[in-house]
Amino acid sequence: MILDFQNIEDVKRQVESGLNSDTSIPEWKKEIFNFLEWYYSLDGPLLQKTSGSTDIPKEIKLSREVLSASAEATIAYFKLAKRSSALLCIPAKYIGGKMMLMRAILGGWKLTCTEPKGNLSSVLAGVSSFDFTAMIPLQVQKLLNNDVSQLNKVKNLIIGGAAVSDALEHELCNAKINAYSTYGMTETASHVALKKLDGKSNFQALAGISFSIDTEGRLSIEGLRLPESKLLTNDLVKLISETSFHWLGRIDNVINSGGVKIVAEELEKTIATQLNEAFYITKEIHSELGETPVLVIECEAWESEKTSVFLESLKPKLPDYWGPRKIRFVVHIDRTASGKIKRI
């Protein structure tokens, strides 16, 4: 489905026809039409639920002004011109998909909309290029694995929904893809910072956004275009400047083991260099230490000797007392729709 936002009346006809059709339409299309109906026809703020990946989902009210300011900031950052071509391949159910629609509306773009799915090779095979798109890490990884030439057709790629691993960033660097990791949430109407995936950059604020940290190292976001400013997050960062930071992890995932604070995401970065299987770090209660890290691996259980040898091999590579004490093996790691691991 193609929406040409240089021809607003035609887009409105597509929306009306889609929502009033006698035959059922796919849910992914319905979400697009519902958002456009709100934008063009309905009063009041957009009611958008948070993803629920880190907390119980809640409903956020976002005004047209807030959404427009966020969209304009991204358009300006990438210097995207009128009549740019873009691809919507993530669900419009979430704020990331809705913001792709907002940018297309304000930019007068030609937006190709496709069913959100893991493998986008067939979608990209039929076009010469796109000026801009947003994907989740899973979609990017599949294109890198299957046909990187298709990914090269995207001139500006932003990646969100889940963290970009060091391994994925390294692959993108080698493939010379102009890609950026996003930092943002529903509460900020999509991203407020971007990190160029070149192996050396930090997150940089978009125009009108500034950062600070509290005594625990949690990131606070300020900006006139935000629905709520100052917004205190649960993200632990190393602050580089008022407009730049290095992301460390979530305070929710900090493991307090005998007074030593272990950041799960930082521990995972080291383990990722030693392990090929999918995994994550969680924690369990310990009678003496309070909490200890547990390594959860998506594979068949190892023999006890291999488990012991692997855990011992990690210790010299980690800060003191950071090493996991046990491994839990699972058949399947539970993930959100965007590929973010649900830690249990």
C-alpha atoms as a PDB file:
ATOM      1  CA  MET A   1       0.000   0.000   0.000  1.00  0.00           C
ATOM      2  CA  ILE A   2       1.339   3.431  -0.993  1.00  0.00           C
ATOM      3  CA  LEU A   3       0.249   6.676   0.686  1.00  0.00           C
ATOM      4  CA  ASP A   4       1.263   9.793  -1.231  1.00  0.00           C
ATOM      5  CA  PHE A   5       1.067  12.685   1.215  1.00  0.00           C
ATOM      6  CA  GLN A   6       1.459  15.212  -1.589  1.00  0.00           C
ATOM      7  CA  ASN A   7      -2.124  14.244  -2.421  1.00  0.00           C
ATOM      8  CA  ILE A   8      -3.970  14.556   0.898  1.00  0.00           C
ATOM      9  CA  GLU A   9      -7.448  14.109  -0.574  1.00  0.00           C
ATOM     10  CA  ASP A  10      -6.426  10.798  -2.110  1.00  0.00           C
ATOM     11  CA  VAL A  11      -5.017   9.626   1.238  1.00  0.00           C
ATOM     12  CA  LYS A  12      -8.274  10.605   2.967  1.00  0.00           C
ATOM     13  CA  ARG A  13     -10.238   8.608   0.395  1.00  0.00           C
ATOM     14  CA  GLN A  14      -8.020   5.567   1.045  1.00  0.00           C
ATOM     15  CA  VAL A  15      -8.625   5.912   4.780  1.00  0.00           C
ATOM     16  CA  GLU A  16     -12.395   6.246   4.400  1.00  0.00           C
ATOM     17  CA  SER A  17     -12.571   3.364   1.945  1.00  0.00           C
ATOM     18  CA  GLY A  18     -10.447   1.148   4.168  1.00  0.00           C
ATOM     19  CA  LEU A  19     -12.372   1.802   7.374  1.00  0.00           C
ATOM     20  CA  ASN A  20     -15.800   1.525   5.702  1.00  0.00           C
ATOM     21  CA  SER A  21     -15.014  -1.521   3.592  1.00  0.00           C
ATOM     22  CA  ASP A  22     -17.490  -4.418   3.690  1.00  0.00           C
ATOM     23  CA  THR A  23     -14.600  -6.849   3.732  1.00  0.00           C
ATOM     24  CA  SER A  24     -12.218  -7.111   6.647  1.00  0.00           C
ATOM     25  CA  ILE A  25      -8.792  -5.537   6.271  1.00  0.00           C
ATOM     26  CA  PRO A  26      -5.582  -6.737   7.913  1.00  0.00           C
ATOM     27  CA  GLU A  27      -4.996  -5.385  11.411  1.00  0.00           C
ATOM     28  CA  TRP A  28      -1.747  -3.658  10.401  1.00  0.00           C
ATOM     29  CA  LYS A  29      -3.619  -1.609   7.770  1.00  0.00           C
ATOM     30  CA  LYS A  30      -6.456  -0.849  10.175  1.00  0.00           C
ATOM     31  CA  GLU A  31      -3.976   0.625  12.679  1.00  0.00           C
ATOM     32  CA  ILE A  32      -2.632   2.940   9.959  1.00  0.00           C
ATOM     33  CA  PHE A  33      -6.105   4.061   8.910  1.00  0.00           C
ATOM     34  CA  ASN A  34      -7.202   4.590  12.522  1.00  0.00           C
ATOM     35  CA  PHE A  35      -4.274   6.909  13.173  1.00  0.00           C
ATOM     36  CA  LEU A  36      -4.867   8.879   9.972  1.00  0.00           C
ATOM     37  CA  GLU A  37      -8.562   9.176  10.796  1.00  0.00           C
ATOM     38  CA  TRP A  38      -7.599  10.668  14.164  1.00  0.00           C
ATOM     39  CA  TYR A  39      -5.139  13.076  12.558  1.00  0.00           C
ATOM     40  CA  TYR A  40      -7.464  14.352   9.848  1.00  0.00           C
ATOM     41  CA  SER A  41     -10.895  14.089  11.441  1.00  0.00           C
ATOM     42  CA  LEU A  42     -10.980  13.734  15.231  1.00  0.00           C
ATOM     43  CA  ASP A  43     -10.491  16.234  18.030  1.00  0.00           C
ATOM     44  CA  GLY A  44      -8.518  15.742  21.217  1.00  0.00           C
ATOM     45  CA  PRO A  45      -5.126  14.210  21.977  1.00  0.00           C
ATOM     46  CA  LEU A  46      -3.850  10.880  20.734  1.00  0.00           C
ATOM     47  CA  LEU A  47      -4.287   8.199  23.401  1.00  0.00           C
ATOM     48  CA  GLN A  48      -1.274   5.920  23.078  1.00  0.00           C
ATOM     49  CA  LYS A  49      -0.446   2.936  25.278  1.00  0.00           C
ATOM     50  CA  THR A  50       3.152   2.333  26.306  1.00  0.00           C
ATOM     51  CA  SER A  51       4.708  -0.913  25.093  1.00  0.00           C
ATOM     52  CA  GLY A  52       4.767  -2.518  28.546  1.00  0.00           C
ATOM     53  CA  SER A  53       8.224  -3.984  27.964  1.00  0.00           C
ATOM     54  CA  THR A  54       9.619  -2.489  31.193  1.00  0.00           C
ATOM     55  CA  ASP A  55       6.453  -1.800  33.200  1.00  0.00           C
ATOM     56  CA  ILE A  56       2.682  -2.236  33.216  1.00  0.00           C
ATOM     57  CA  PRO A  57       1.300  -0.603  30.031  1.00  0.00           C
ATOM     58  CA  LYS A  58      -0.247   2.800  30.638  1.00  0.00           C
ATOM     59  CA  GLU A  59      -2.069   5.300  28.460  1.00  0.00           C
ATOM     60  CA  ILE A  60      -0.292   8.517  27.460  1.00  0.00           C
ATOM     61  CA  LYS A  61      -1.977  11.611  26.006  1.00  0.00           C
ATOM     62  CA  LEU A  62      -0.041  13.154  23.108  1.00  0.00           C
ATOM     63  CA  SER A  63      -1.126  16.331  21.351  1.00  0.00           C
ATOM     64  CA  ARG A  64      -0.760  17.052  17.640  1.00  0.00           C
ATOM     65  CA  GLU A  65       1.727  19.782  18.570  1.00  0.00           C
ATOM     66  CA  VAL A  66       3.966  17.347  20.473  1.00  0.00           C
ATOM     67  CA  LEU A  67       3.836  14.747  17.694  1.00  0.00           C
ATOM     68  CA  SER A  68       4.500  17.382  15.037  1.00  0.00           C
ATOM     69  CA  ALA A  69       7.497  18.803  16.908  1.00  0.00           C
ATOM     70  CA  SER A  70       9.002  15.327  17.268  1.00  0.00           C
ATOM     71  CA  ALA A  71       8.489  14.566  13.581  1.00  0.00           C
ATOM     72  CA  GLU A  72       9.946  17.908  12.478  1.00  0.00           C
ATOM     73  CA  ALA A  73      13.044  17.335  14.631  1.00  0.00           C
ATOM     74  CA  THR A  74      13.787  14.043  12.860  1.00  0.00           C
ATOM     75  CA  ILE A  75      13.093  15.512   9.412  1.00  0.00           C
ATOM     76  CA  ALA A  76      15.520  18.361  10.170  1.00  0.00           C
ATOM     77  CA  TYR A  77      18.191  16.052  11.609  1.00  0.00           C
ATOM     78  CA  PHE A  78      18.359  13.961   8.436  1.00  0.00           C
ATOM     79  CA  LYS A  79      17.658  16.921   6.114  1.00  0.00           C
ATOM     80  CA  LEU A  80      14.816  15.006   4.468  1.00  0.00           C
ATOM     81  CA  ALA A  81      13.217  16.933   1.623  1.00  0.00           C
ATOM     82  CA  LYS A  82       9.641  17.122   0.395  1.00  0.00           C
ATOM     83  CA  ARG A  83       8.723  14.164  -1.796  1.00  0.00           C
ATOM     84  CA  SER A  84      11.150  11.909   0.061  1.00  0.00           C
ATOM     85  CA  SER A  85      10.414   8.198  -0.238  1.00  0.00           C
ATOM     86  CA  ALA A  86       9.995   6.212   2.976  1.00  0.00           C
ATOM     87  CA  LEU A  87       9.036   2.731   4.136  1.00  0.00           C
ATOM     88  CA  LEU A  88       6.697   1.922   7.027  1.00  0.00           C
ATOM     89  CA  CYS A  89       7.490  -1.658   8.046  1.00  0.00           C
ATOM     90  CA  ILE A  90       6.881  -1.540  11.813  1.00  0.00           C
ATOM     91  CA  PRO A  91       3.431  -1.686  13.480  1.00  0.00           C
ATOM     92  CA  ALA A  92       1.408   1.541  13.548  1.00  0.00           C
ATOM     93  CA  LYS A  93      -0.032   0.188  16.789  1.00  0.00           C
ATOM     94  CA  TYR A  94       3.042   1.563  18.577  1.00  0.00           C
ATOM     95  CA  ILE A  95       4.456   5.076  18.757  1.00  0.00           C
ATOM     96  CA  GLY A  96       7.333   4.244  16.378  1.00  0.00           C
ATOM     97  CA  GLY A  97       4.932   3.383  13.564  1.00  0.00           C
ATOM     98  CA  LYS A  98       2.694   6.362  14.244  1.00  0.00           C
ATOM     99  CA  MET A  99       5.686   8.706  14.123  1.00  0.00           C
ATOM    100  CA  MET A 100       6.659   7.342  10.700  1.00  0.00           C
ATOM    101  CA  LEU A 101       3.188   8.407   9.564  1.00  0.00           C
ATOM    102  CA  MET A 102       3.570  11.843  11.203  1.00  0.00           C
ATOM    103  CA  ARG A 103       6.896  12.451   9.424  1.00  0.00           C
ATOM    104  CA  ALA A 104       5.360  11.413   6.111  1.00  0.00           C
ATOM    105  CA  ILE A 105       2.375  13.744   6.638  1.00  0.00           C
ATOM    106  CA  LEU A 106       4.491  16.775   7.541  1.00  0.00           C
ATOM    107  CA  GLY A 107       7.175  16.022   4.964  1.00  0.00           C
ATOM    108  CA  GLY A 108       4.788  15.335   2.109  1.00  0.00           C
ATOM    109  CA  TRP A 109       6.447  11.980   1.568  1.00  0.00           C
ATOM    110  CA  LYS A 110       5.568   9.015  -0.583  1.00  0.00           C
ATOM    111  CA  LEU A 111       5.178   6.295   2.039  1.00  0.00           C
ATOM    112  CA  THR A 112       5.208   2.620   1.166  1.00  0.00           C
ATOM    113  CA  CYS A 113       3.358   0.690   3.872  1.00  0.00           C
ATOM    114  CA  THR A 114       3.902  -3.032   4.238  1.00  0.00           C
ATOM    115  CA  GLU A 115       2.907  -5.717   6.697  1.00  0.00           C
ATOM    116  CA  PRO A 116       5.363  -5.687   9.620  1.00  0.00           C
ATOM    117  CA  LYS A 117       7.353  -8.909   9.381  1.00  0.00           C
ATOM    118  CA  GLY A 118      10.815 -10.164  10.161  1.00  0.00           C
ATOM    119  CA  ASN A 119      12.110 -10.654   6.622  1.00  0.00           C
ATOM    120  CA  LEU A 120      11.811  -7.559   4.415  1.00  0.00           C
ATOM    121  CA  SER A 121      13.901  -8.834   1.485  1.00  0.00           C
ATOM    122  CA  SER A 122      10.925  -9.182  -0.850  1.00  0.00           C
ATOM    123  CA  VAL A 123       9.721  -5.655  -0.006  1.00  0.00           C
ATOM    124  CA  LEU A 124      13.078  -4.037  -0.721  1.00  0.00           C
ATOM    125  CA  ALA A 125      13.689  -6.173  -3.810  1.00  0.00           C
ATOM    126  CA  GLY A 126      10.990  -4.299  -5.694  1.00  0.00           C
ATOM    127  CA  VAL A 127      12.379  -0.773  -5.198  1.00  0.00           C
ATOM    128  CA  SER A 128      15.505   1.127  -6.196  1.00  0.00           C
ATOM    129  CA  SER A 129      15.880   2.949  -2.863  1.00  0.00           C
ATOM    130  CA  PHE A 130      14.191   4.567   0.150  1.00  0.00           C
ATOM    131  CA  ASP A 131      15.312   7.848   1.649  1.00  0.00           C
ATOM    132  CA  PHE A 132      14.262   6.852   5.161  1.00  0.00           C
ATOM    133  CA  THR A 133      12.849   4.025   7.255  1.00  0.00           C
ATOM    134  CA  ALA A 134      12.673   2.669  10.804  1.00  0.00           C
ATOM    135  CA  MET A 135      13.227  -0.998  11.669  1.00  0.00           C
ATOM    136  CA  ILE A 136      13.652  -3.188  14.728  1.00  0.00           C
ATOM    137  CA  PRO A 137      16.962  -5.065  15.237  1.00  0.00           C
ATOM    138  CA  LEU A 138      15.439  -8.397  14.149  1.00  0.00           C
ATOM    139  CA  GLN A 139      14.500  -7.002  10.722  1.00  0.00           C
ATOM    140  CA  VAL A 140      17.950  -5.483  10.246  1.00  0.00           C
ATOM    141  CA  GLN A 141      19.713  -8.708  11.268  1.00  0.00           C
ATOM    142  CA  LYS A 142      17.697 -10.797   8.817  1.00  0.00           C
ATOM    143  CA  LEU A 143      18.595  -8.459   5.946  1.00  0.00           C
ATOM    144  CA  LEU A 144      22.268  -8.570   6.913  1.00  0.00           C
ATOM    145  CA  ASN A 145      22.117 -12.370   7.000  1.00  0.00           C
ATOM    146  CA  ASN A 146      20.095 -12.878   3.819  1.00  0.00           C
ATOM    147  CA  ASP A 147      20.882 -10.062   1.401  1.00  0.00           C
ATOM    148  CA  VAL A 148      22.787  -7.019   2.603  1.00  0.00           C
ATOM    149  CA  SER A 149      22.442  -5.405  -0.835  1.00  0.00           C
ATOM    150  CA  GLN A 150      18.755  -4.845  -0.063  1.00  0.00           C
ATOM    151  CA  LEU A 151      19.654  -2.992   3.139  1.00  0.00           C
ATOM    152  CA  ASN A 152      22.010  -0.765   1.164  1.00  0.00           C
ATOM    153  CA  LYS A 153      18.942   0.619  -0.627  1.00  0.00           C
ATOM    154  CA  VAL A 154      17.991   2.497   2.563  1.00  0.00           C
ATOM    155  CA  LYS A 155      19.769   5.862   2.640  1.00  0.00           C
ATOM    156  CA  ASN A 156      18.893   6.671   6.276  1.00  0.00           C
ATOM    157  CA  LEU A 157      17.987   3.878   8.701  1.00  0.00           C
ATOM    158  CA  ILE A 158      16.919   4.285  12.313  1.00  0.00           C
ATOM    159  CA  ILE A 159      16.691   1.224  14.573  1.00  0.00           C
ATOM    160  CA  GLY A 160      14.507   1.066  17.674  1.00  0.00           C
ATOM    161  CA  GLY A 161      12.178  -1.091  19.728  1.00  0.00           C
ATOM    162  CA  ALA A 162      15.071  -2.940  21.356  1.00  0.00           C
ATOM    163  CA  ALA A 163      18.745  -2.294  22.072  1.00  0.00           C
ATOM    164  CA  VAL A 164      21.245  -2.615  19.220  1.00  0.00           C
ATOM    165  CA  SER A 165      23.929  -5.112  20.238  1.00  0.00           C
ATOM    166  CA  ASP A 166      27.643  -4.469  19.758  1.00  0.00           C
ATOM    167  CA  ALA A 167      27.716  -7.379  17.293  1.00  0.00           C
ATOM    168  CA  LEU A 168      24.929  -5.873  15.176  1.00  0.00           C
ATOM    169  CA  GLU A 169      26.611  -2.460  15.226  1.00  0.00           C
ATOM    170  CA  HIS A 170      29.866  -4.075  14.063  1.00  0.00           C
ATOM    171  CA  GLU A 171      28.077  -5.775  11.139  1.00  0.00           C
ATOM    172  CA  LEU A 172      26.438  -2.516  10.100  1.00  0.00           C
ATOM    173  CA  CYS A 173      29.804  -0.743  10.198  1.00  0.00           C
ATOM    174  CA  ASN A 174      31.384  -3.407   8.002  1.00  0.00           C
ATOM    175  CA  ALA A 175      28.472  -3.202   5.544  1.00  0.00           C
ATOM    176  CA  LYS A 176      28.764   0.615   5.497  1.00  0.00           C
ATOM    177  CA  ILE A 177      25.064   1.102   6.298  1.00  0.00           C
ATOM    178  CA  ASN A 178      24.075   4.631   7.335  1.00  0.00           C
ATOM    179  CA  ALA A 179      22.247   3.500  10.458  1.00  0.00           C
ATOM    180  CA  TYR A 180      21.343   5.064  13.806  1.00  0.00           C
ATOM    181  CA  SER A 181      20.154   3.629  17.094  1.00  0.00           C
ATOM    182  CA  THR A 182      17.279   5.544  18.680  1.00  0.00           C
ATOM    183  CA  TYR A 183      16.637   6.513  22.288  1.00  0.00           C
ATOM    184  CA  GLY A 184      13.109   7.435  23.262  1.00  0.00           C
ATOM    185  CA  MET A 185       9.771   6.134  24.477  1.00  0.00           C
ATOM    186  CA  THR A 186       6.057   6.699  24.164  1.00  0.00           C
ATOM    187  CA  GLU A 187       6.275   9.398  26.843  1.00  0.00           C
ATOM    188  CA  THR A 188       8.652  11.430  24.636  1.00  0.00           C
ATOM    189  CA  ALA A 189       6.681  10.872  21.395  1.00  0.00           C
ATOM    190  CA  SER A 190       9.401   8.621  19.927  1.00  0.00           C
ATOM    191  CA  HIS A 191      13.134   9.296  20.009  1.00  0.00           C
ATOM    192  CA  VAL A 192      14.823  12.290  21.595  1.00  0.00           C
ATOM    193  CA  ALA A 193      18.369  11.134  20.790  1.00  0.00           C
ATOM    194  CA  LEU A 194      20.192   9.256  18.027  1.00  0.00           C
ATOM    195  CA  LYS A 195      23.446   7.327  18.016  1.00  0.00           C
ATOM    196  CA  LYS A 196      25.255   6.803  14.715  1.00  0.00           C
ATOM    197  CA  LEU A 197      26.224   3.141  14.499  1.00  0.00           C
ATOM    198  CA  ASP A 198      29.860   3.612  13.585  1.00  0.00           C
ATOM    199  CA  GLY A 199      31.479   1.909  16.568  1.00  0.00           C
ATOM    200  CA  LYS A 200      32.491   5.136  18.308  1.00  0.00           C
ATOM    201  CA  SER A 201      29.578   7.559  18.657  1.00  0.00           C
ATOM    202  CA  ASN A 202      27.381   8.299  21.681  1.00  0.00           C
ATOM    203  CA  PHE A 203      23.713   9.276  21.782  1.00  0.00           C
ATOM    204  CA  GLN A 204      23.202  12.877  20.652  1.00  0.00           C
ATOM    205  CA  ALA A 205      20.117  14.917  21.502  1.00  0.00           C
ATOM    206  CA  LEU A 206      17.788  16.170  18.815  1.00  0.00           C
ATOM    207  CA  ALA A 207      17.174  19.920  18.638  1.00  0.00           C
ATOM    208  CA  GLY A 208      15.561  21.388  21.752  1.00  0.00           C
ATOM    209  CA  ILE A 209      16.391  18.433  24.031  1.00  0.00           C
ATOM    210  CA  SER A 210      18.837  18.409  26.967  1.00  0.00           C
ATOM    211  CA  PHE A 211      19.913  15.789  29.510  1.00  0.00           C
ATOM    212  CA  SER A 212      21.009  15.533  33.137  1.00  0.00           C
ATOM    213  CA  ILE A 213      21.369  12.736  35.694  1.00  0.00           C
ATOM    214  CA  ASP A 214      20.263  12.284  39.300  1.00  0.00           C
ATOM    215  CA  THR A 215      22.402  10.992  42.181  1.00  0.00           C
ATOM    216  CA  GLU A 216      21.835   7.395  41.095  1.00  0.00           C
ATOM    217  CA  GLY A 217      22.914   8.076  37.515  1.00  0.00           C
ATOM    218  CA  ARG A 218      19.414   7.958  36.023  1.00  0.00           C
ATOM    219  CA  LEU A 219      18.798  10.036  32.917  1.00  0.00           C
ATOM    220  CA  SER A 220      16.475  13.047  33.015  1.00  0.00           C
ATOM    221  CA  ILE A 221      15.150  14.560  29.783  1.00  0.00           C
ATOM    222  CA  GLU A 222      14.121  18.182  29.308  1.00  0.00           C
ATOM    223  CA  GLY A 223      12.612  19.966  26.322  1.00  0.00           C
ATOM    224  CA  LEU A 224       9.737  22.298  25.559  1.00  0.00           C
ATOM    225  CA  ARG A 225       8.299  19.863  23.013  1.00  0.00           C
ATOM    226  CA  LEU A 226       7.943  17.045  25.558  1.00  0.00           C
ATOM    227  CA  PRO A 227       4.539  16.229  27.077  1.00  0.00           C
ATOM    228  CA  GLU A 228       6.269  16.056  30.465  1.00  0.00           C
ATOM    229  CA  SER A 229       9.467  17.933  31.217  1.00  0.00           C
ATOM    230  CA  LYS A 230      11.551  17.218  33.265  1.00  0.00           C
ATOM    231  CA  LEU A 231      11.131  13.470  32.670  1.00  0.00           C
ATOM    232  CA  LEU A 232      13.123  11.148  34.948  1.00  0.00           C
ATOM    233  CA  THR A 233      13.772   7.756  33.353  1.00  0.00           C
ATOM    234  CA  ASN A 234      14.994   4.435  34.730  1.00  0.00           C
ATOM    235  CA  ASP A 235      17.937   4.403  32.326  1.00  0.00           C
ATOM    236  CA  LEU A 236      21.455   4.499  33.748  1.00  0.00           C
ATOM    237  CA  VAL A 237      23.833   6.551  31.616  1.00  0.00           C
ATOM    238  CA  LYS A 238      27.264   8.101  31.586  1.00  0.00           C
ATOM    239  CA  LEU A 239      26.599  11.763  30.840  1.00  0.00           C
ATOM    240  CA  ILE A 240      29.031  13.176  28.265  1.00  0.00           C
ATOM    241  CA  SER A 241      27.439  16.634  28.077  1.00  0.00           C
ATOM    242  CA  GLU A 242      24.012  18.241  28.327  1.00  0.00           C
ATOM    243  CA  THR A 243      23.258  16.898  24.868  1.00  0.00           C
ATOM    244  CA  SER A 244      25.137  13.590  24.803  1.00  0.00           C
ATOM    245  CA  PHE A 245      25.309  10.367  26.822  1.00  0.00           C
ATOM    246  CA  HIS A 246      26.507   6.761  26.790  1.00  0.00           C
ATOM    247  CA  TRP A 247      23.754   4.300  27.706  1.00  0.00           C
ATOM    248  CA  LEU A 248      24.653   1.703  30.362  1.00  0.00           C
ATOM    249  CA  GLY A 249      21.417  -0.103  31.188  1.00  0.00           C
ATOM    250  CA  ARG A 250      18.202  -0.044  33.198  1.00  0.00           C
ATOM    251  CA  ILE A 251      18.227   0.616  36.939  1.00  0.00           C
ATOM    252  CA  ASP A 252      15.534  -2.091  37.182  1.00  0.00           C
ATOM    253  CA  ASN A 253      18.150  -4.612  36.004  1.00  0.00           C
ATOM    254  CA  VAL A 254      20.870  -3.656  38.495  1.00  0.00           C
ATOM    255  CA  ILE A 255      21.854  -6.625  40.661  1.00  0.00           C
ATOM    256  CA  ASN A 256      22.996  -5.771  44.210  1.00  0.00           C
ATOM    257  CA  SER A 257      25.271  -8.659  45.117  1.00  0.00           C
ATOM    258  CA  GLY A 258      26.832  -8.212  48.536  1.00  0.00           C
ATOM    259  CA  GLY A 259      26.973  -4.444  48.038  1.00  0.00           C
ATOM    260  CA  VAL A 260      28.455  -4.718  44.526  1.00  0.00           C
ATOM    261  CA  LYS A 261      26.118  -3.175  41.946  1.00  0.00           C
ATOM    262  CA  ILE A 262      26.154  -5.186  38.726  1.00  0.00           C
ATOM    263  CA  VAL A 263      24.575  -3.637  35.626  1.00  0.00           C
ATOM    264  CA  ALA A 264      23.025  -6.549  33.726  1.00  0.00           C
ATOM    265  CA  GLU A 265      23.436  -4.944  30.289  1.00  0.00           C
ATOM    266  CA  GLU A 266      27.136  -4.246  30.880  1.00  0.00           C
ATOM    267  CA  LEU A 267      27.663  -7.842  32.029  1.00  0.00           C
ATOM    268  CA  GLU A 268      25.887  -9.067  28.890  1.00  0.00           C
ATOM    269  CA  LYS A 269      28.269  -7.109  26.643  1.00  0.00           C
ATOM    270  CA  THR A 270      31.237  -9.096  27.944  1.00  0.00           C
ATOM    271  CA  ILE A 271      29.442 -12.440  27.812  1.00  0.00           C
ATOM    272  CA  ALA A 272      28.355 -11.740  24.224  1.00  0.00           C
ATOM    273  CA  THR A 273      32.005 -11.915  23.135  1.00  0.00           C
ATOM    274  CA  GLN A 274      32.241 -15.451  24.546  1.00  0.00           C
ATOM    275  CA  LEU A 275      28.875 -16.961  23.661  1.00  0.00           C
ATOM    276  CA  ASN A 276      27.106 -17.542  20.338  1.00  0.00           C
ATOM    277  CA  GLU A 277      23.706 -18.614  21.668  1.00  0.00           C
ATOM    278  CA  ALA A 278      20.915 -16.165  22.544  1.00  0.00           C
ATOM    279  CA  PHE A 279      21.031 -15.298  26.250  1.00  0.00           C
ATOM    280  CA  TYR A 280      20.325 -12.700  28.914  1.00  0.00           C
ATOM    281  CA  ILE A 281      21.196 -11.944  32.531  1.00  0.00           C
ATOM    282  CA  THR A 282      18.633 -12.059  35.318  1.00  0.00           C
ATOM    283  CA  LYS A 283      18.971 -12.368  39.084  1.00  0.00           C
ATOM    284  CA  GLU A 284      17.904 -14.544  41.975  1.00  0.00           C
ATOM    285  CA  ILE A 285      17.695 -14.097  45.724  1.00  0.00           C
ATOM    286  CA  HIS A 286      20.741 -15.231  47.726  1.00  0.00           C
ATOM    287  CA  SER A 287      20.624 -15.791  51.492  1.00  0.00           C
ATOM    288  CA  GLU A 288      23.981 -14.090  52.141  1.00  0.00           C
ATOM    289  CA  LEU A 289      24.605 -11.743  49.194  1.00  0.00           C
ATOM    290  CA  GLY A 290      21.029 -10.522  48.696  1.00  0.00           C
ATOM    291  CA  GLU A 291      21.067 -11.067  44.931  1.00  0.00           C
ATOM    292  CA  THR A 292      23.290 -12.879  42.444  1.00  0.00           C
ATOM    293  CA  PRO A 293      23.387 -12.808  38.607  1.00  0.00           C
ATOM    294  CA  VAL A 294      22.049 -15.790  36.676  1.00  0.00           C
ATOM    295  CA  LEU A 295      22.903 -16.469  33.030  1.00  0.00           C
ATOM    296  CA  VAL A 296      19.903 -17.686  30.980  1.00  0.00           C
ATOM    297  CA  ILE A 297      20.825 -19.366  27.677  1.00  0.00           C
ATOM    298  CA  GLU A 298      18.470 -20.402  24.871  1.00  0.00           C
ATOM    299  CA  CYS A 299      19.756 -23.899  24.085  1.00  0.00           C
ATOM    300  CA  GLU A 300      19.804 -27.491  25.303  1.00  0.00           C
ATOM    301  CA  ALA A 301      21.342 -27.946  28.750  1.00  0.00           C
ATOM    302  CA  TRP A 302      25.095 -28.406  28.885  1.00  0.00           C
ATOM    303  CA  GLU A 303      26.848 -31.091  30.873  1.00  0.00           C
ATOM    304  CA  SER A 304      27.813 -29.912  34.356  1.00  0.00           C
ATOM    305  CA  GLU A 305      31.542 -29.887  33.548  1.00  0.00           C
ATOM    306  CA  LYS A 306      31.071 -27.613  30.497  1.00  0.00           C
ATOM    307  CA  THR A 307      28.896 -25.291  32.595  1.00  0.00           C
ATOM    308  CA  SER A 308      31.508 -25.028  35.350  1.00  0.00           C
ATOM    309  CA  VAL A 309      34.359 -24.441  32.894  1.00  0.00           C
ATOM    310  CA  PHE A 310      32.441 -21.692  31.088  1.00  0.00           C
ATOM    311  CA  LEU A 311      31.504 -19.853  34.281  1.00  0.00           C
ATOM    312  CA  GLU A 312      35.116 -19.997  35.490  1.00  0.00           C
ATOM    313  CA  SER A 313      36.370 -18.708  32.118  1.00  0.00           C
ATOM    314  CA  LEU A 314      34.236 -15.575  32.482  1.00  0.00           C
ATOM    315  CA  LYS A 315      35.694 -14.454  35.818  1.00  0.00           C
ATOM    316  CA  PRO A 316      39.032 -13.055  34.539  1.00  0.00           C
ATOM    317  CA  LYS A 317      37.151 -11.004  31.928  1.00  0.00           C
ATOM    318  CA  LEU A 318      34.780  -9.361  34.425  1.00  0.00           C
ATOM    319  CA  PRO A 319      35.058  -6.956  37.369  1.00  0.00           C
ATOM    320  CA  ASP A 320      35.397  -8.694  40.737  1.00  0.00           C
ATOM    321  CA  TYR A 321      32.221 -10.441  41.925  1.00  0.00           C
ATOM    322  CA  TRP A 322      30.375  -9.846  38.631  1.00  0.00           C
ATOM    323  CA  GLY A 323      30.518 -13.452  37.429  1.00  0.00           C
ATOM    324  CA  PRO A 324      27.222 -15.415  37.229  1.00  0.00           C
ATOM    325  CA  ARG A 325      27.081 -18.273  39.728  1.00  0.00           C
ATOM    326  CA  LYS A 326      24.797 -20.491  37.674  1.00  0.00           C
ATOM    327  CA  ILE A 327      23.313 -21.011  34.202  1.00  0.00           C
ATOM    328  CA  ARG A 328      19.650 -21.657  33.449  1.00  0.00           C
ATOM    329  CA  PHE A 329      18.885 -23.279  30.091  1.00  0.00           C
ATOM    330  CA  VAL A 330      15.581 -22.591  28.304  1.00  0.00           C
ATOM    331  CA  VAL A 331      14.019 -23.790  25.067  1.00  0.00           C
ATOM    332  CA  HIS A 332      12.727 -20.327  24.165  1.00  0.00           C
ATOM    333  CA  ILE A 333      13.453 -16.812  25.459  1.00  0.00           C
ATOM    334  CA  ASP A 334      10.281 -14.734  25.707  1.00  0.00           C
ATOM    335  CA  ARG A 335      10.464 -11.504  23.697  1.00  0.00           C
ATOM    336  CA  THR A 336       8.216  -8.540  22.900  1.00  0.00           C
ATOM    337  CA  ALA A 337       6.949  -7.867  19.372  1.00  0.00           C
ATOM    338  CA  SER A 338       9.962  -5.605  18.779  1.00  0.00           C
ATOM    339  CA  GLY A 339      12.426  -8.287  19.880  1.00  0.00           C
ATOM    340  CA  LYS A 340      13.125  -6.940  23.355  1.00  0.00           C
ATOM    341  CA  ILE A 341      13.856  -9.728  25.869  1.00  0.00           C
ATOM    342  CA  LYS A 342      11.415 -10.139  28.748  1.00  0.00           C
ATOM    343  CA  ARG A 343      13.653 -10.798  31.748  1.00  0.00           C
ATOM    344  CA  ILE A 344      12.190 -13.347  34.172  1.00  0.00           C
END
